[in-house]
C-alpha cells in the first residue's frame, strides 16, 4: 500500500527508501500531533494529527533527506530517494 512512515512512542520508523516523487503516507500512532519536516531546503513538511494519517510527495531529486518533528525536536528520521 505504498511507502509509509509510522510514528509510534514519539519515534519515526527506520529510514525509508522511496522512488522520486512517490506519495509517502504518514501514520501517527501517538495521541500527540507531529510533523515530518525536512531538516533543510523545505523539501517536505507534513503535519499529522494525533491518531491520524496524512500524505506528502517525496522530493524528485535522489539523495538522503533527514527530517524531524517541529513540535518534538528530539524526533529524527530519514527519507532516502533513489
Protein backbone atom coordinates (compact mmCIF):
# COMPACT_ATOMS: atom_id res chain seq x y z
CA UNK A 1 0.00 0.00 0.00
CA UNK A 2 2.86 2.36 -0.77
CA UNK A 3 5.68 3.71 1.38
CA UNK A 4 4.69 4.62 4.92
CA UNK A 5 6.38 6.45 7.78
CA UNK A 6 4.92 5.19 11.06
CA UNK A 7 5.20 7.33 14.18
CA UNK A 8 4.96 5.49 17.49
CA UNK A 9 6.06 6.44 21.01
CA UNK A 10 7.49 9.72 19.72
CA UNK A 11 9.78 7.91 17.28
CA UNK A 12 9.88 7.67 13.50
CA UNK A 13 10.48 4.23 11.98
CA UNK A 14 13.63 3.04 10.24
CA UNK A 15 14.95 5.04 7.27
CA UNK A 16 12.52 4.75 4.36
CA UNK A 17 13.64 4.37 0.74
CA UNK A 18 11.23 5.66 -1.91
CA UNK A 19 11.20 6.46 -5.62
CA UNK A 20 11.47 10.11 -6.72
CA UNK A 21 8.14 11.90 -6.43
CA UNK A 22 6.49 8.99 -4.59
CA UNK A 23 3.45 9.60 -2.42
CA UNK A 24 4.50 8.88 1.17
CA UNK A 25 1.88 8.12 3.82
CA UNK A 26 2.46 9.18 7.41
CA UNK A 27 0.62 7.19 10.08
CA UNK A 28 0.63 8.61 13.61
CA UNK A 29 0.01 6.09 16.40
CA UNK A 30 0.54 8.72 19.10
CA UNK A 31 -2.19 10.93 20.54
CA UNK A 32 0.08 13.98 20.07
CA UNK A 33 0.31 15.92 16.82
CA UNK A 34 3.58 15.53 14.89
CA UNK A 35 5.22 16.82 11.75
CA UNK A 36 7.53 15.25 9.17
CA UNK A 37 9.70 18.23 8.28
CA UNK A 38 12.84 18.12 6.14
CA UNK A 39 15.88 19.37 8.08
CA UNK A 40 16.91 21.69 5.24
CA UNK A 41 15.68 23.14 1.99
CA UNK A 42 11.96 22.85 2.67
CA UNK A 43 11.84 19.60 0.67
CA UNK A 44 8.71 18.48 2.54
CA UNK A 45 6.67 19.42 5.59
CA UNK A 46 3.68 17.26 6.54
CA UNK A 47 1.56 17.77 9.63
CA UNK A 48 -0.28 14.78 11.08
CA UNK A 49 -2.84 14.95 13.86
CA UNK A 50 -2.91 12.53 16.78
CA UNK A 51 -4.03 9.05 15.69
CA UNK A 52 -4.24 10.43 12.15
CA UNK A 53 -2.73 9.90 8.73
CA UNK A 54 -1.58 12.25 6.01
CA UNK A 55 0.43 12.07 2.79
CA UNK A 56 3.16 14.11 1.16
CA UNK A 57 5.12 13.94 -2.08
CA UNK A 58 8.73 12.80 -1.85
CA UNK A 59 11.37 15.03 -3.46
CA UNK A 60 12.22 14.23 -7.09
CA UNK A 61 15.98 14.66 -6.61
CA UNK A 62 17.73 11.49 -5.41
CA UNK A 63 19.50 11.74 -2.08
CA UNK A 64 19.14 11.37 1.64
CA UNK A 65 16.68 13.68 3.38
CA UNK A 66 16.93 13.77 7.18
CA UNK A 67 13.77 15.04 8.85
CA UNK A 68 12.43 15.94 12.28
CA UNK A 69 9.24 16.86 14.10
CA UNK A 70 8.91 20.61 14.67
CA UNK A 71 6.97 20.03 17.89
CA UNK A 72 9.39 17.45 19.28
CA UNK A 73 12.92 18.28 18.04
CA UNK A 74 14.35 15.08 19.55
CA UNK A 75 12.42 13.10 16.93
CA UNK A 76 14.55 12.38 13.87
CA UNK A 77 14.10 10.21 10.79
CA UNK A 78 15.46 9.78 7.30
CA UNK A 79 13.90 9.58 3.84
CA UNK A 80 16.07 8.18 1.05
CA UNK A 81 15.11 8.93 -2.54
CA UNK A 82 16.63 6.70 -5.20
